[in-house]
């Protein structure tokens, strides 16, 4: 299991479970603080990998553990693009209907 916490220049925090080579399982952006990002990462690790050594040890040392943050949200299309190298061009360009309407504008 791999995880990451990042800090952006606008003082917001991000966190991911997974990595570029193996794919992302969940990600969060615009977290308010490191004090929120760290529990988010722990909660997702326990939620997504309940049989892992980390989860077993965490439950042993925190017997009253209850998740503090929202349940996992699947990685975004951008996260998937980073994982797979496939750019979600349809999502970036808009729906085919919108593209068609733009090309039919009057001169």
PDB file of N, CA and C in Angstrom:
ATOM      1  N   UNK A   1       0.853  -1.168   0.000  1.00  0.00           N
ATOM      2  CA  UNK A   1       0.000   0.000   0.000  1.00  0.00           C
ATOM      3  C   UNK A   1       0.899   1.231   0.000  1.00  0.00           C
ATOM      4  N   UNK A   2       0.550   2.205  -0.823  1.00  0.00           N
ATOM      5  CA  UNK A   2       1.301   3.450  -0.888  1.00  0.00           C
ATOM      6  C   UNK A   2       0.353   4.613  -0.632  1.00  0.00           C
ATOM      7  N   UNK A   3       0.873   5.646  -0.026  1.00  0.00           N
ATOM      8  CA  UNK A   3       0.077   6.830   0.247  1.00  0.00           C
ATOM      9  C   UNK A   3       0.947   8.061   0.162  1.00  0.00           C
ATOM     10  N   UNK A   4       0.287   9.192   0.026  1.00  0.00           N
ATOM     11  CA  UNK A   4       1.019  10.451  -0.121  1.00  0.00           C
ATOM     12  C   UNK A   4       0.185  11.595   0.428  1.00  0.00           C
ATOM     13  N   UNK A   5       0.858  12.524   1.080  1.00  0.00           N
ATOM     14  CA  UNK A   5       0.241  13.784   1.502  1.00  0.00           C
ATOM     15  C   UNK A   5       1.019  14.893   0.816  1.00  0.00           C
ATOM     16  N   UNK A   6       0.302  15.856   0.258  1.00  0.00           N
ATOM     17  CA  UNK A   6       0.964  16.964  -0.428  1.00  0.00           C
ATOM     18  C   UNK A   6       0.424  18.295   0.096  1.00  0.00           C
ATOM     19  N   UNK A   7       1.259  19.313  -0.031  1.00  0.00           N
ATOM     20  CA  UNK A   7       0.918  20.648   0.439  1.00  0.00           C
ATOM     21  C   UNK A   7       1.024  21.583  -0.747  1.00  0.00           C
ATOM     22  N   UNK A   8      -0.042  22.320  -1.024  1.00  0.00           N
ATOM     23  CA  UNK A   8      -0.074  23.226  -2.162  1.00  0.00           C
ATOM     24  C   UNK A   8       0.246  24.641  -1.724  1.00  0.00           C
ATOM     25  N   UNK A   9       0.647  25.457  -2.664  1.00  0.00           N
ATOM     26  CA  UNK A   9       1.079  26.823  -2.362  1.00  0.00           C
ATOM     27  C   UNK A   9      -0.040  27.679  -1.765  1.00  0.00           C
ATOM     28  N   UNK A  10      -1.301  27.317  -1.988  1.00  0.00           N
ATOM     29  CA  UNK A  10      -2.407  28.101  -1.432  1.00  0.00           C
ATOM     30  C   UNK A  10      -2.794  27.627  -0.028  1.00  0.00           C
ATOM     31  N   UNK A  11      -1.897  26.861   0.589  1.00  0.00           N
ATOM     32  CA  UNK A  11      -2.057  26.347   1.945  1.00  0.00           C
ATOM     33  C   UNK A  11      -3.202  25.341   2.060  1.00  0.00           C
ATOM     34  N   UNK A  12      -3.493  24.623   0.976  1.00  0.00           N
ATOM     35  CA  UNK A  12      -4.425  23.509   1.070  1.00  0.00           C
ATOM     36  C   UNK A  12      -3.612  22.216   0.948  1.00  0.00           C
ATOM     37  N   UNK A  13      -4.186  21.145   1.392  1.00  0.00           N
ATOM     38  CA  UNK A  13      -3.500  19.864   1.454  1.00  0.00           C
ATOM     39  C   UNK A  13      -4.217  18.837   0.599  1.00  0.00           C
ATOM     40  N   UNK A  14      -3.480  17.874   0.104  1.00  0.00           N
ATOM     41  CA  UNK A  14      -4.046  16.778  -0.667  1.00  0.00           C
ATOM     42  C   UNK A  14      -3.508  15.465  -0.136  1.00  0.00           C
ATOM     43  N   UNK A  15      -4.211  14.380  -0.418  1.00  0.00           N
ATOM     44  CA  UNK A  15      -3.766  13.055   0.006  1.00  0.00           C
ATOM     45  C   UNK A  15      -4.250  12.027  -1.004  1.00  0.00           C
ATOM     46  N   UNK A  16      -3.454  10.980  -1.187  1.00  0.00           N
ATOM     47  CA  UNK A  16      -3.823   9.893  -2.080  1.00  0.00           C
ATOM     48  C   UNK A  16      -3.437   8.556  -1.466  1.00  0.00           C
ATOM     49  N   UNK A  17      -4.207   7.543  -1.809  1.00  0.00           N
ATOM     50  CA  UNK A  17      -3.845   6.153  -1.524  1.00  0.00           C
ATOM     51  C   UNK A  17      -3.562   5.538  -2.884  1.00  0.00           C
ATOM     52  N   UNK A  18      -2.358   5.026  -3.051  1.00  0.00           N
ATOM     53  CA  UNK A  18      -1.937   4.450  -4.316  1.00  0.00           C
ATOM     54  C   UNK A  18      -0.710   5.174  -4.829  1.00  0.00           C
ATOM     55  N   UNK A  19      -0.347   4.882  -6.065  1.00  0.00           N
ATOM     56  CA  UNK A  19       0.810   5.542  -6.662  1.00  0.00           C
ATOM     57  C   UNK A  19       0.689   5.522  -8.177  1.00  0.00           C
ATOM     58  N   UNK A  20       1.594   6.239  -8.826  1.00  0.00           N
ATOM     59  CA  UNK A  20       1.563   6.391 -10.275  1.00  0.00           C
ATOM     60  C   UNK A  20       1.716   5.062 -11.005  1.00  0.00           C
ATOM     61  N   UNK A  21       2.551   4.198 -10.521  1.00  0.00           N
ATOM     62  CA  UNK A  21       2.801   2.928 -11.205  1.00  0.00           C
ATOM     63  C   UNK A  21       1.687   1.909 -11.020  1.00  0.00           C
ATOM     64  N   UNK A  22       1.077   1.866  -9.848  1.00  0.00           N
ATOM     65  CA  UNK A  22       0.075   0.855  -9.540  1.00  0.00           C
ATOM     66  C   UNK A  22      -1.357   1.375  -9.562  1.00  0.00           C
ATOM     67  N   UNK A  23      -1.514   2.662  -9.732  1.00  0.00           N
ATOM     68  CA  UNK A  23      -2.847   3.257  -9.758  1.00  0.00           C
ATOM     69  C   UNK A  23      -3.234   3.847  -8.415  1.00  0.00           C
ATOM     70  N   UNK A  24      -4.163   4.771  -8.454  1.00  0.00           N
ATOM     71  CA  UNK A  24      -4.672   5.423  -7.255  1.00  0.00           C
ATOM     72  C   UNK A  24      -6.014   4.819  -6.885  1.00  0.00           C
ATOM     73  N   UNK A  25      -6.190   4.504  -5.618  1.00  0.00           N
ATOM     74  CA  UNK A  25      -7.464   3.949  -5.131  1.00  0.00           C
ATOM     75  C   UNK A  25      -8.398   5.039  -4.656  1.00  0.00           C
ATOM     76  N   UNK A  26      -7.857   6.094  -4.046  1.00  0.00           N
ATOM     77  CA  UNK A  26      -8.674   7.199  -3.534  1.00  0.00           C
ATOM     78  C   UNK A  26      -7.799   8.438  -3.451  1.00  0.00           C
ATOM     79  N   UNK A  27      -8.440   9.603  -3.554  1.00  0.00           N
ATOM     80  CA  UNK A  27      -7.691  10.850  -3.430  1.00  0.00           C
ATOM     81  C   UNK A  27      -8.601  11.934  -2.867  1.00  0.00           C
ATOM     82  N   UNK A  28      -7.979  12.890  -2.231  1.00  0.00           N
ATOM     83  CA  UNK A  28      -8.686  14.044  -1.688  1.00  0.00           C
ATOM     84  C   UNK A  28      -7.838  15.270  -1.963  1.00  0.00           C
ATOM     85  N   UNK A  29      -8.492  16.355  -2.287  1.00  0.00           N
ATOM     86  CA  UNK A  29      -7.802  17.623  -2.528  1.00  0.00           C
ATOM     87  C   UNK A  29      -8.467  18.693  -1.682  1.00  0.00           C
ATOM     88  N   UNK A  30      -7.767  19.770  -1.498  1.00  0.00           N
ATOM     89  CA  UNK A  30      -8.273  20.914  -0.748  1.00  0.00           C
ATOM     90  C   UNK A  30      -8.650  20.557   0.682  1.00  0.00           C
ATOM     91  N   UNK A  31      -7.852  19.693   1.298  1.00  0.00           N
ATOM     92  CA  UNK A  31      -8.043  19.408   2.710  1.00  0.00           C
ATOM     93  C   UNK A  31      -7.542  20.614   3.500  1.00  0.00           C
ATOM     94  N   UNK A  32      -8.173  20.938   4.612  1.00  0.00           N
ATOM     95  CA  UNK A  32      -7.860  22.194   5.304  1.00  0.00           C
ATOM     96  C   UNK A  32      -6.522  22.237   6.040  1.00  0.00           C
ATOM     97  N   UNK A  33      -5.965  21.074   6.406  1.00  0.00           N
ATOM     98  CA  UNK A  33      -4.732  21.102   7.195  1.00  0.00           C
ATOM     99  C   UNK A  33      -4.058  19.737   7.174  1.00  0.00           C
ATOM    100  N   UNK A  34      -2.805  19.714   7.604  1.00  0.00           N
ATOM    101  CA  UNK A  34      -2.108  18.442   7.779  1.00  0.00           C
ATOM    102  C   UNK A  34      -2.813  17.605   8.837  1.00  0.00           C
ATOM    103  N   UNK A  35      -3.357  18.279   9.840  1.00  0.00           N
ATOM    104  CA  UNK A  35      -4.097  17.598  10.896  1.00  0.00           C
ATOM    105  C   UNK A  35      -5.354  16.916  10.388  1.00  0.00           C
ATOM    106  N   UNK A  36      -5.826  17.256   9.208  1.00  0.00           N
ATOM    107  CA  UNK A  36      -6.955  16.579   8.587  1.00  0.00           C
ATOM    108  C   UNK A  36      -6.463  15.563   7.552  1.00  0.00           C
ATOM    109  N   UNK A  37      -5.392  15.898   6.832  1.00  0.00           N
ATOM    110  CA  UNK A  37      -4.871  15.006   5.793  1.00  0.00           C
ATOM    111  C   UNK A  37      -4.347  13.694   6.376  1.00  0.00           C
ATOM    112  N   UNK A  38      -3.655  13.752   7.498  1.00  0.00           N
ATOM    113  CA  UNK A  38      -3.097  12.542   8.105  1.00  0.00           C
ATOM    114  C   UNK A  38      -4.190  11.564   8.541  1.00  0.00           C
ATOM    115  N   UNK A  39      -5.237  12.016   9.271  1.00  0.00           N
ATOM    116  CA  UNK A  39      -6.316  11.078   9.599  1.00  0.00           C
ATOM    117  C   UNK A  39      -7.051  10.567   8.356  1.00  0.00           C
ATOM    118  N   UNK A  40      -7.188  11.410   7.331  1.00  0.00           N
ATOM    119  CA  UNK A  40      -7.829  10.960   6.086  1.00  0.00           C
ATOM    120  C   UNK A  40      -7.048   9.784   5.512  1.00  0.00           C
ATOM    121  N   UNK A  41      -5.718   9.925   5.483  1.00  0.00           N
ATOM    122  CA  UNK A  41      -4.870   8.869   4.942  1.00  0.00           C
ATOM    123  C   UNK A  41      -4.988   7.590   5.781  1.00  0.00           C
ATOM    124  N   UNK A  42      -4.966   7.707   7.085  1.00  0.00           N
ATOM    125  CA  UNK A  42      -5.119   6.529   7.964  1.00  0.00           C
ATOM    126  C   UNK A  42      -6.487   5.886   7.762  1.00  0.00           C
ATOM    127  N   UNK A  43      -7.538   6.692   7.731  1.00  0.00           N
ATOM    128  CA  UNK A  43      -8.885   6.161   7.542  1.00  0.00           C
ATOM    129  C   UNK A  43      -9.010   5.406   6.224  1.00  0.00           C
ATOM    130  N   UNK A  44      -8.455   5.959   5.161  1.00  0.00           N
ATOM    131  CA  UNK A  44      -8.542   5.291   3.858  1.00  0.00           C
ATOM    132  C   UNK A  44      -7.725   4.005   3.845  1.00  0.00           C
ATOM    133  N   UNK A  45      -6.562   4.012   4.472  1.00  0.00           N
ATOM    134  CA  UNK A  45      -5.725   2.808   4.525  1.00  0.00           C
ATOM    135  C   UNK A  45      -6.471   1.683   5.236  1.00  0.00           C
ATOM    136  N   UNK A  46      -7.105   1.987   6.343  1.00  0.00           N
ATOM    137  CA  UNK A  46      -7.853   0.978   7.099  1.00  0.00           C
ATOM    138  C   UNK A  46      -9.093   0.539   6.312  1.00  0.00           C
ATOM    139  N   UNK A  47      -9.759   1.492   5.662  1.00  0.00           N
ATOM    140  CA  UNK A  47     -10.972   1.186   4.897  1.00  0.00           C
ATOM    141  C   UNK A  47     -10.675   0.338   3.656  1.00  0.00           C
ATOM    142  N   UNK A  48      -9.664   0.724   2.899  1.00  0.00           N
ATOM    143  CA  UNK A  48      -9.370   0.063   1.629  1.00  0.00           C
ATOM    144  C   UNK A  48      -8.519  -1.197   1.781  1.00  0.00           C
ATOM    145  N   UNK A  49      -7.752  -1.281   2.861  1.00  0.00           N
ATOM    146  CA  UNK A  49      -6.868  -2.433   3.090  1.00  0.00           C
ATOM    147  C   UNK A  49      -7.088  -2.979   4.503  1.00  0.00           C
ATOM    148  N   UNK A  50      -8.288  -3.470   4.812  1.00  0.00           N
ATOM    149  CA  UNK A  50      -8.587  -3.902   6.186  1.00  0.00           C
ATOM    150  C   UNK A  50      -7.769  -5.096   6.665  1.00  0.00           C
ATOM    151  N   UNK A  51      -7.233  -5.881   5.753  1.00  0.00           N
ATOM    152  CA  UNK A  51      -6.440  -7.049   6.145  1.00  0.00           C
ATOM    153  C   UNK A  51      -4.939  -6.767   6.143  1.00  0.00           C
ATOM    154  N   UNK A  52      -4.558  -5.522   5.920  1.00  0.00           N
ATOM    155  CA  UNK A  52      -3.141  -5.175   5.844  1.00  0.00           C
ATOM    156  C   UNK A  52      -2.494  -5.181   7.232  1.00  0.00           C
ATOM    157  N   UNK A  53      -1.190  -5.245   7.232  1.00  0.00           N
ATOM    158  CA  UNK A  53      -0.432  -5.158   8.481  1.00  0.00           C
ATOM    159  C   UNK A  53      -0.692  -3.817   9.164  1.00  0.00           C
ATOM    160  N   UNK A  54      -0.783  -2.751   8.350  1.00  0.00           N
ATOM    161  CA  UNK A  54      -1.056  -1.421   8.911  1.00  0.00           C
ATOM    162  C   UNK A  54      -2.391  -1.411   9.658  1.00  0.00           C
ATOM    163  N   UNK A  55      -3.462  -1.905   9.017  1.00  0.00           N
ATOM    164  CA  UNK A  55      -4.784  -1.891   9.642  1.00  0.00           C
ATOM    165  C   UNK A  55      -4.802  -2.727  10.913  1.00  0.00           C
ATOM    166  N   UNK A  56      -4.205  -3.899  10.861  1.00  0.00           N
ATOM    167  CA  UNK A  56      -4.155  -4.772  12.031  1.00  0.00           C
ATOM    168  C   UNK A  56      -3.461  -4.080  13.197  1.00  0.00           C
ATOM    169  N   UNK A  57      -2.325  -3.478  12.919  1.00  0.00           N
ATOM    170  CA  UNK A  57      -1.572  -2.783  13.977  1.00  0.00           C
ATOM    171  C   UNK A  57      -2.312  -1.533  14.464  1.00  0.00           C
ATOM    172  N   UNK A  58      -2.938  -0.823  13.529  1.00  0.00           N
ATOM    173  CA  UNK A  58      -3.662   0.396  13.916  1.00  0.00           C
ATOM    174  C   UNK A  58      -4.830   0.050  14.833  1.00  0.00           C
ATOM    175  N   UNK A  59      -5.594  -1.007  14.496  1.00  0.00           N
ATOM    176  CA  UNK A  59      -6.698  -1.416  15.351  1.00  0.00           C
ATOM    177  C   UNK A  59      -6.198  -1.919  16.699  1.00  0.00           C
ATOM    178  N   UNK A  60      -5.032  -2.574  16.714  1.00  0.00           N
ATOM    179  CA  UNK A  60      -4.479  -3.066  17.975  1.00  0.00           C
ATOM    180  C   UNK A  60      -4.100  -1.913  18.891  1.00  0.00           C
ATOM    181  N   UNK A  61      -3.490  -0.875  18.329  1.00  0.00           N
ATOM    182  CA  UNK A  61      -3.022   0.254  19.145  1.00  0.00           C
ATOM    183  C   UNK A  61      -4.088   1.324  19.358  1.00  0.00           C
ATOM    184  N   UNK A  62      -5.180   1.250  18.598  1.00  0.00           N
ATOM    185  CA  UNK A  62      -6.289   2.206  18.733  1.00  0.00           C
ATOM    186  C   UNK A  62      -7.602   1.415  18.830  1.00  0.00           C
ATOM    187  N   UNK A  63      -7.829   0.705  19.941  1.00  0.00           N
ATOM    188  CA  UNK A  63      -8.995  -0.187  20.030  1.00  0.00           C
ATOM    189  C   UNK A  63     -10.334   0.543  19.897  1.00  0.00           C
ATOM    190  N   UNK A  64     -10.404   1.819  20.194  1.00  0.00           N
ATOM    191  CA  UNK A  64     -11.649   2.582  20.088  1.00  0.00           C
ATOM    192  C   UNK A  64     -11.745   3.341  18.764  1.00  0.00           C
ATOM    193  N   UNK A  65     -10.926   2.948  17.783  1.00  0.00           N
ATOM    194  CA  UNK A  65     -10.865   3.651  16.504  1.00  0.00           C
ATOM    195  C   UNK A  65     -12.229   3.741  15.823  1.00  0.00           C
ATOM    196  N   UNK A  66     -12.558   4.930  15.367  1.00  0.00           N
ATOM    197  CA  UNK A  66     -13.705   5.187  14.510  1.00  0.00           C
ATOM    198  C   UNK A  66     -13.217   6.163  13.441  1.00  0.00           C
ATOM    199  N   UNK A  67     -13.584   5.947  12.165  1.00  0.00           N
ATOM    200  CA  UNK A  67     -13.130   6.864  11.107  1.00  0.00           C
ATOM    201  C   UNK A  67     -13.519   8.301  11.429  1.00  0.00           C
ATOM    202  N   UNK A  68     -12.586   9.216  11.179  1.00  0.00           N
ATOM    203  CA  UNK A  68     -12.812  10.629  11.454  1.00  0.00           C
ATOM    204  C   UNK A  68     -13.213  11.402  10.204  1.00  0.00           C
ATOM    205  N   UNK A  69     -13.016  10.806   9.036  1.00  0.00           N
ATOM    206  CA  UNK A  69     -13.223  11.515   7.779  1.00  0.00           C
ATOM    207  C   UNK A  69     -14.181  10.726   6.894  1.00  0.00           C
ATOM    208  N   UNK A  70     -14.591  11.343   5.784  1.00  0.00           N
ATOM    209  CA  UNK A  70     -15.524  10.723   4.847  1.00  0.00           C
ATOM    210  C   UNK A  70     -14.969   9.416   4.296  1.00  0.00           C
ATOM    211  N   UNK A  71     -15.850   8.548   3.840  1.00  0.00           N
ATOM    212  CA  UNK A  71     -15.416   7.296   3.227  1.00  0.00           C
ATOM    213  C   UNK A  71     -14.700   7.582   1.919  1.00  0.00           C
ATOM    214  N   UNK A  72     -14.022   6.591   1.418  1.00  0.00           N
ATOM    215  CA  UNK A  72     -13.192   6.759   0.227  1.00  0.00           C
ATOM    216  C   UNK A  72     -14.022   7.144  -0.989  1.00  0.00           C
ATOM    217  N   UNK A  73     -13.449   8.017  -1.772  1.00  0.00           N
ATOM    218  CA  UNK A  73     -14.007   8.405  -3.062  1.00  0.00           C
ATOM    219  C   UNK A  73     -13.025   7.898  -4.100  1.00  0.00           C
ATOM    220  N   UNK A  74     -13.539   7.291  -5.134  1.00  0.00           N
ATOM    221  CA  UNK A  74     -12.654   6.774  -6.177  1.00  0.00           C
ATOM    222  C   UNK A  74     -11.776   7.879  -6.727  1.00  0.00           C
ATOM    223  N   UNK A  75     -10.622   7.508  -7.175  1.00  0.00           N
ATOM    224  CA  UNK A  75      -9.702   8.479  -7.765  1.00  0.00           C
ATOM    225  C   UNK A  75     -10.362   9.140  -8.967  1.00  0.00           C
ATOM    226  N   UNK A  76     -10.072  10.410  -9.173  1.00  0.00           N
ATOM    227  CA  UNK A  76     -10.660  11.170 -10.274  1.00  0.00           C
ATOM    228  C   UNK A  76     -10.111  10.707 -11.615  1.00  0.00           C
ATOM    229  N   UNK A  77     -10.704  11.214 -12.685  1.00  0.00           N
ATOM    230  CA  UNK A  77     -10.209  10.870 -14.023  1.00  0.00           C
ATOM    231  C   UNK A  77      -8.791  11.393 -14.217  1.00  0.00           C
ATOM    232  N   UNK A  78      -8.451  12.488 -13.561  1.00  0.00           N
ATOM    233  CA  UNK A  78      -7.080  13.007 -13.646  1.00  0.00           C
ATOM    234  C   UNK A  78      -6.130  12.051 -12.932  1.00  0.00           C
ATOM    235  N   UNK A  79      -6.531  11.572 -11.745  1.00  0.00           N
ATOM    236  CA  UNK A  79      -5.717  10.585 -11.037  1.00  0.00           C
ATOM    237  C   UNK A  79      -5.550   9.319 -11.850  1.00  0.00           C
ATOM    238  N   UNK A  80      -6.629   8.892 -12.506  1.00  0.00           N
ATOM    239  CA  UNK A  80      -6.553   7.705 -13.358  1.00  0.00           C
ATOM    240  C   UNK A  80      -5.626   7.961 -14.546  1.00  0.00           C
ATOM    241  N   UNK A  81      -5.668   9.160 -15.100  1.00  0.00           N
ATOM    242  CA  UNK A  81      -4.798   9.493 -16.236  1.00  0.00           C
ATOM    243  C   UNK A  81      -3.331   9.425 -15.824  1.00  0.00           C
ATOM    244  N   UNK A  82      -3.036   9.900 -14.634  1.00  0.00           N
ATOM    245  CA  UNK A  82      -1.658   9.842 -14.144  1.00  0.00           C
ATOM    246  C   UNK A  82      -1.241   8.388 -13.971  1.00  0.00           C
ATOM    247  N   UNK A  83      -2.158   7.558 -13.452  1.00  0.00           N
ATOM    248  CA  UNK A  83      -1.867   6.149 -13.235  1.00  0.00           C
ATOM    249  C   UNK A  83      -1.652   5.389 -14.537  1.00  0.00           C
ATOM    250  N   UNK A  84      -2.513   5.655 -15.520  1.00  0.00           N
ATOM    251  CA  UNK A  84      -2.505   4.849 -16.734  1.00  0.00           C
ATOM    252  C   UNK A  84      -1.786   5.496 -17.899  1.00  0.00           C
ATOM    253  N   UNK A  85      -1.605   6.810 -17.840  1.00  0.00           N
ATOM    254  CA  UNK A  85      -1.016   7.518 -18.964  1.00  0.00           C
ATOM    255  C   UNK A  85      -2.025   7.812 -20.061  1.00  0.00           C
ATOM    256  N   UNK A  86      -3.307   7.474 -19.843  1.00  0.00           N
ATOM    257  CA  UNK A  86      -4.370   7.732 -20.818  1.00  0.00           C
ATOM    258  C   UNK A  86      -5.089   9.006 -20.401  1.00  0.00           C
ATOM    259  N   UNK A  87      -5.023  10.013 -21.237  1.00  0.00           N
ATOM    260  CA  UNK A  87      -5.636  11.302 -20.935  1.00  0.00           C
ATOM    261  C   UNK A  87      -7.131  11.232 -21.234  1.00  0.00           C
ATOM    262  N   UNK A  88      -7.974  11.648 -20.287  1.00  0.00           N
ATOM    263  CA  UNK A  88      -9.418  11.610 -20.511  1.00  0.00           C
ATOM    264  C   UNK A  88      -9.848  12.763 -21.415  1.00  0.00           C
ATOM    265  N   UNK A  89      -9.604  12.660 -22.713  1.00  0.00           N
ATOM    266  CA  UNK A  89      -9.841  13.771 -23.647  1.00  0.00           C
ATOM    267  C   UNK A  89     -11.301  14.159 -23.734  1.00  0.00           C
ATOM    268  N   UNK A  90     -12.215  13.207 -23.664  1.00  0.00           N
ATOM    269  CA  UNK A  90     -13.636  13.546 -23.747  1.00  0.00           C
ATOM    270  C   UNK A  90     -14.049  14.436 -22.587  1.00  0.00           C
ATOM    271  N   UNK A  91     -13.566  14.139 -21.391  1.00  0.00           N
ATOM    272  CA  UNK A  91     -13.913  14.952 -20.230  1.00  0.00           C
ATOM    273  C   UNK A  91     -13.331  16.351 -20.350  1.00  0.00           C
ATOM    274  N   UNK A  92     -12.154  16.463 -20.939  1.00  0.00           N
ATOM    275  CA  UNK A  92     -11.522  17.771 -21.080  1.00  0.00           C
ATOM    276  C   UNK A  92     -12.188  18.609 -22.158  1.00  0.00           C
ATOM    277  N   UNK A  93     -12.640  17.981 -23.217  1.00  0.00           N
ATOM    278  CA  UNK A  93     -13.209  18.710 -24.348  1.00  0.00           C
ATOM    279  C   UNK A  93     -14.695  18.979 -24.187  1.00  0.00           C
ATOM    280  N   UNK A  94     -15.352  18.340 -23.257  1.00  0.00           N
ATOM    281  CA  UNK A  94     -16.792  18.491 -23.121  1.00  0.00           C
ATOM    282  C   UNK A  94     -17.486  17.382 -23.884  1.00  0.00           C
ATOM    283  N   UNK A  95     -18.792  17.344 -23.783  1.00  0.00           N
ATOM    284  CA  UNK A  95     -19.539  16.275 -24.453  1.00  0.00           C
ATOM    285  C   UNK A  95     -19.541  16.483 -25.960  1.00  0.00           C
ATOM    286  N   UNK A  96     -19.743  15.411 -26.746  1.00  0.00           N
ATOM    287  CA  UNK A  96     -19.798  15.549 -28.206  1.00  0.00           C
ATOM    288  C   UNK A  96     -20.899  16.516 -28.640  1.00  0.00           C
ATOM    289  N   UNK A  97     -22.026  16.531 -27.926  1.00  0.00           N
ATOM    290  CA  UNK A  97     -23.120  17.430 -28.281  1.00  0.00           C
ATOM    291  C   UNK A  97     -22.663  18.887 -28.164  1.00  0.00           C
ATOM    292  N   UNK A  98     -21.963  19.220 -27.105  1.00  0.00           N
ATOM    293  CA  UNK A  98     -21.482  20.593 -26.931  1.00  0.00           C
ATOM    294  C   UNK A  98     -20.502  20.960 -28.031  1.00  0.00           C
ATOM    295  N   UNK A  99     -19.631  20.011 -28.396  1.00  0.00           N
ATOM    296  CA  UNK A  99     -18.675  20.312 -29.459  1.00  0.00           C
ATOM    297  C   UNK A  99     -19.404  20.541 -30.774  1.00  0.00           C
ATOM    298  N   UNK A 100     -20.441  19.742 -31.059  1.00  0.00           N
ATOM    299  CA  UNK A 100     -21.198  19.904 -32.287  1.00  0.00           C
ATOM    300  C   UNK A 100     -21.886  21.260 -32.331  1.00  0.00           C
ATOM    301  N   UNK A 101     -22.471  21.658 -31.215  1.00  0.00           N
ATOM    302  CA  UNK A 101     -23.169  22.943 -31.171  1.00  0.00           C
ATOM    303  C   UNK A 101     -22.218  24.108 -31.405  1.00  0.00           C
ATOM    304  N   UNK A 102     -21.031  24.016 -30.901  1.00  0.00           N
ATOM    305  CA  UNK A 102     -20.057  25.090 -31.087  1.00  0.00           C
ATOM    306  C   UNK A 102     -19.692  25.244 -32.565  1.00  0.00           C
ATOM    307  N   UNK A 103     -19.629  24.132 -33.276  1.00  0.00           N
ATOM    308  CA  UNK A 103     -19.217  24.209 -34.681  1.00  0.00           C
ATOM    309  C   UNK A 103     -20.339  24.718 -35.583  1.00  0.00           C
ATOM    310  N   UNK A 104     -21.562  24.792 -35.080  1.00  0.00           N
ATOM    311  CA  UNK A 104     -22.693  25.250 -35.870  1.00  0.00           C
ATOM    312  C   UNK A 104     -23.040  26.714 -35.640  1.00  0.00           C
ATOM    313  N   UNK A 105     -22.196  27.436 -34.975  1.00  0.00           N
ATOM    314  CA  UNK A 105     -22.474  28.853 -34.710  1.00  0.00           C
ATOM    315  C   UNK A 105     -22.582  29.641 -36.003  1.00  0.00           C
ATOM    316  N   UNK A 106     -23.446  30.601 -35.977  1.00  0.00           N
ATOM    317  CA  UNK A 106     -23.591  31.462 -37.161  1.00  0.00           C
ATOM    318  C   UNK A 106     -22.377  32.356 -37.293  1.00  0.00           C
ATOM    319  N   UNK A 107     -21.980  32.684 -38.538  1.00  0.00           N
ATOM    320  CA  UNK A 107     -20.796  33.521 -38.732  1.00  0.00           C
ATOM    321  C   UNK A 107     -20.992  34.946 -38.271  1.00  0.00           C
TER     322      UNK A 107
END
